């Protein structure tokens, strides 16, 4: 009965592939767990800023953003003015 042997062989291959997928899933899970443990360990070693340092850094950042915005607006208006001078009077 060649048909039965082929069927058994197909079932064996299917079981083997299922086992390989299961092992791959377990390897991925262990890898994920290891990565998460490393992250938690690293986060424990971080020196977090105090509230005062955090507020100070935030104020500096907002101030610099405002300064750059003003600078960009000023340059834009100057360039617009200069290009307006170059524009033909009748156009």
C-alpha atoms as a PDB file:
ATOM      1  CA  UNK A   1       0.000   0.000   0.000  1.00  0.00           C
ATOM      2  CA  UNK A   2       2.070   2.919  -1.223  1.00  0.00           C
ATOM      3  CA  UNK A   3      -0.732   5.398  -0.529  1.00  0.00           C
ATOM      4  CA  UNK A   4      -0.750   4.677   3.195  1.00  0.00           C
ATOM      5  CA  UNK A   5       3.032   5.071   3.525  1.00  0.00           C
ATOM      6  CA  UNK A   6       2.901   8.400   1.748  1.00  0.00           C
ATOM      7  CA  UNK A   7       0.070   9.542   4.031  1.00  0.00           C
ATOM      8  CA  UNK A   8       2.021   8.519   7.138  1.00  0.00           C
ATOM      9  CA  UNK A   9       5.096  10.314   5.767  1.00  0.00           C
ATOM     10  CA  UNK A  10       3.033  13.458   5.193  1.00  0.00           C
ATOM     11  CA  UNK A  11       1.704  13.328   8.755  1.00  0.00           C
ATOM     12  CA  UNK A  12       5.219  12.878  10.110  1.00  0.00           C
ATOM     13  CA  UNK A  13       6.426  15.874   8.115  1.00  0.00           C
ATOM     14  CA  UNK A  14       3.510  17.954   9.343  1.00  0.00           C
ATOM     15  CA  UNK A  15       4.280  17.004  12.961  1.00  0.00           C
ATOM     16  CA  UNK A  16       7.951  17.829  12.451  1.00  0.00           C
ATOM     17  CA  UNK A  17       7.114  21.237  10.956  1.00  0.00           C
ATOM     18  CA  UNK A  18       4.700  21.931  13.806  1.00  0.00           C
ATOM     19  CA  UNK A  19       7.415  21.019  16.317  1.00  0.00           C
ATOM     20  CA  UNK A  20       9.906  23.291  14.526  1.00  0.00           C
ATOM     21  CA  UNK A  21       7.419  26.178  14.592  1.00  0.00           C
ATOM     22  CA  UNK A  22       6.821  25.563  18.291  1.00  0.00           C
ATOM     23  CA  UNK A  23      10.564  25.590  18.990  1.00  0.00           C
ATOM     24  CA  UNK A  24      10.980  28.782  16.949  1.00  0.00           C
ATOM     25  CA  UNK A  25       8.148  30.371  18.925  1.00  0.00           C
ATOM     26  CA  UNK A  26       9.789  29.358  22.190  1.00  0.00           C
ATOM     27  CA  UNK A  27      13.127  30.788  21.029  1.00  0.00           C
ATOM     28  CA  UNK A  28      11.457  34.073  20.112  1.00  0.00           C
ATOM     29  CA  UNK A  29       9.652  34.208  23.461  1.00  0.00           C
ATOM     30  CA  UNK A  30      12.911  33.585  25.375  1.00  0.00           C
ATOM     31  CA  UNK A  31      14.617  36.245  23.278  1.00  0.00           C
ATOM     32  CA  UNK A  32      11.826  38.723  24.034  1.00  0.00           C
ATOM     33  CA  UNK A  33      11.997  37.945  27.752  1.00  0.00           C
ATOM     34  CA  UNK A  34      15.765  38.380  27.735  1.00  0.00           C
ATOM     35  CA  UNK A  35      15.458  41.706  25.949  1.00  0.00           C
ATOM     36  CA  UNK A  36      12.820  42.952  28.380  1.00  0.00           C
ATOM     37  CA  UNK A  37      14.956  41.915  31.356  1.00  0.00           C
ATOM     38  CA  UNK A  38      17.890  43.851  29.871  1.00  0.00           C
ATOM     39  CA  UNK A  39      15.696  46.925  29.416  1.00  0.00           C
ATOM     40  CA  UNK A  40      14.418  46.765  33.008  1.00  0.00           C
ATOM     41  CA  UNK A  41      17.967  46.310  34.287  1.00  0.00           C
ATOM     42  CA  UNK A  42      19.208  49.282  32.276  1.00  0.00           C
ATOM     43  CA  UNK A  43      16.298  51.477  33.379  1.00  0.00           C
ATOM     44  CA  UNK A  44      17.188  50.797  37.018  1.00  0.00           C
ATOM     45  CA  UNK A  45      20.703  52.122  36.392  1.00  0.00           C
ATOM     46  CA  UNK A  46      19.548  55.381  34.800  1.00  0.00           C
ATOM     47  CA  UNK A  47      20.130  58.532  36.820  1.00  0.00           C
ATOM     48  CA  UNK A  48      16.829  60.343  36.444  1.00  0.00           C
ATOM     49  CA  UNK A  49      16.773  64.151  36.711  1.00  0.00           C
ATOM     50  CA  UNK A  50      15.194  65.816  39.694  1.00  0.00           C
ATOM     51  CA  UNK A  51      11.983  67.782  39.232  1.00  0.00           C
ATOM     52  CA  UNK A  52      13.951  71.035  39.396  1.00  0.00           C
ATOM     53  CA  UNK A  53      16.355  69.866  36.663  1.00  0.00           C
ATOM     54  CA  UNK A  54      13.459  68.654  34.537  1.00  0.00           C
ATOM     55  CA  UNK A  55      11.569  71.959  34.810  1.00  0.00           C
ATOM     56  CA  UNK A  56      14.722  73.938  34.104  1.00  0.00           C
ATOM     57  CA  UNK A  57      15.520  71.916  30.980  1.00  0.00           C
ATOM     58  CA  UNK A  58      11.922  72.276  29.780  1.00  0.00           C
ATOM     59  CA  UNK A  59      11.990  76.065  30.213  1.00  0.00           C
ATOM     60  CA  UNK A  60      15.299  76.290  28.320  1.00  0.00           C
ATOM     61  CA  UNK A  61      13.903  74.150  25.499  1.00  0.00           C
ATOM     62  CA  UNK A  62      10.715  76.214  25.182  1.00  0.00           C
ATOM     63  CA  UNK A  63      12.759  79.430  25.285  1.00  0.00           C
ATOM     64  CA  UNK A  64      15.086  78.248  22.533  1.00  0.00           C
ATOM     65  CA  UNK A  65      12.165  77.140  20.369  1.00  0.00           C
ATOM     66  CA  UNK A  66      10.581  80.588  20.771  1.00  0.00           C
ATOM     67  CA  UNK A  67      13.897  82.292  19.949  1.00  0.00           C
ATOM     68  CA  UNK A  68      14.356  80.231  16.784  1.00  0.00           C
ATOM     69  CA  UNK A  69      10.750  80.957  15.763  1.00  0.00           C
ATOM     70  CA  UNK A  70      11.307  84.709  16.189  1.00  0.00           C
ATOM     71  CA  UNK A  71      14.614  84.541  14.298  1.00  0.00           C
ATOM     72  CA  UNK A  72      12.978  82.619  11.443  1.00  0.00           C
ATOM     73  CA  UNK A  73      10.080  85.096  11.255  1.00  0.00           C
ATOM     74  CA  UNK A  74      12.485  88.075  11.264  1.00  0.00           C
ATOM     75  CA  UNK A  75      14.628  86.612   8.485  1.00  0.00           C
ATOM     76  CA  UNK A  76      11.509  85.794   6.495  1.00  0.00           C
ATOM     77  CA  UNK A  77      10.204  89.377   6.780  1.00  0.00           C
ATOM     78  CA  UNK A  78      13.604  90.842   5.846  1.00  0.00           C
ATOM     79  CA  UNK A  79      13.878  88.627   2.774  1.00  0.00           C
ATOM     80  CA  UNK A  80      10.291  89.455   1.805  1.00  0.00           C
ATOM     81  CA  UNK A  81      11.035  93.185   2.136  1.00  0.00           C
ATOM     82  CA  UNK A  82      14.240  92.926   0.070  1.00  0.00           C
ATOM     83  CA  UNK A  83      12.505  90.932  -2.648  1.00  0.00           C
ATOM     84  CA  UNK A  84       9.728  93.541  -2.680  1.00  0.00           C
ATOM     85  CA  UNK A  85      12.338  96.232  -3.376  1.00  0.00           C
ATOM     86  CA  UNK A  86      13.675  94.229  -6.306  1.00  0.00           C
ATOM     87  CA  UNK A  87      10.234  93.729  -7.816  1.00  0.00           C
ATOM     88  CA  UNK A  88       9.431  95.960 -10.748  1.00  0.00           C
ATOM     89  CA  UNK A  89       7.306  98.971  -9.711  1.00  0.00           C
ATOM     90  CA  UNK A  90       4.691  98.402 -12.415  1.00  0.00           C
ATOM     91  CA  UNK A  91       4.244  94.662 -11.810  1.00  0.00           C
END
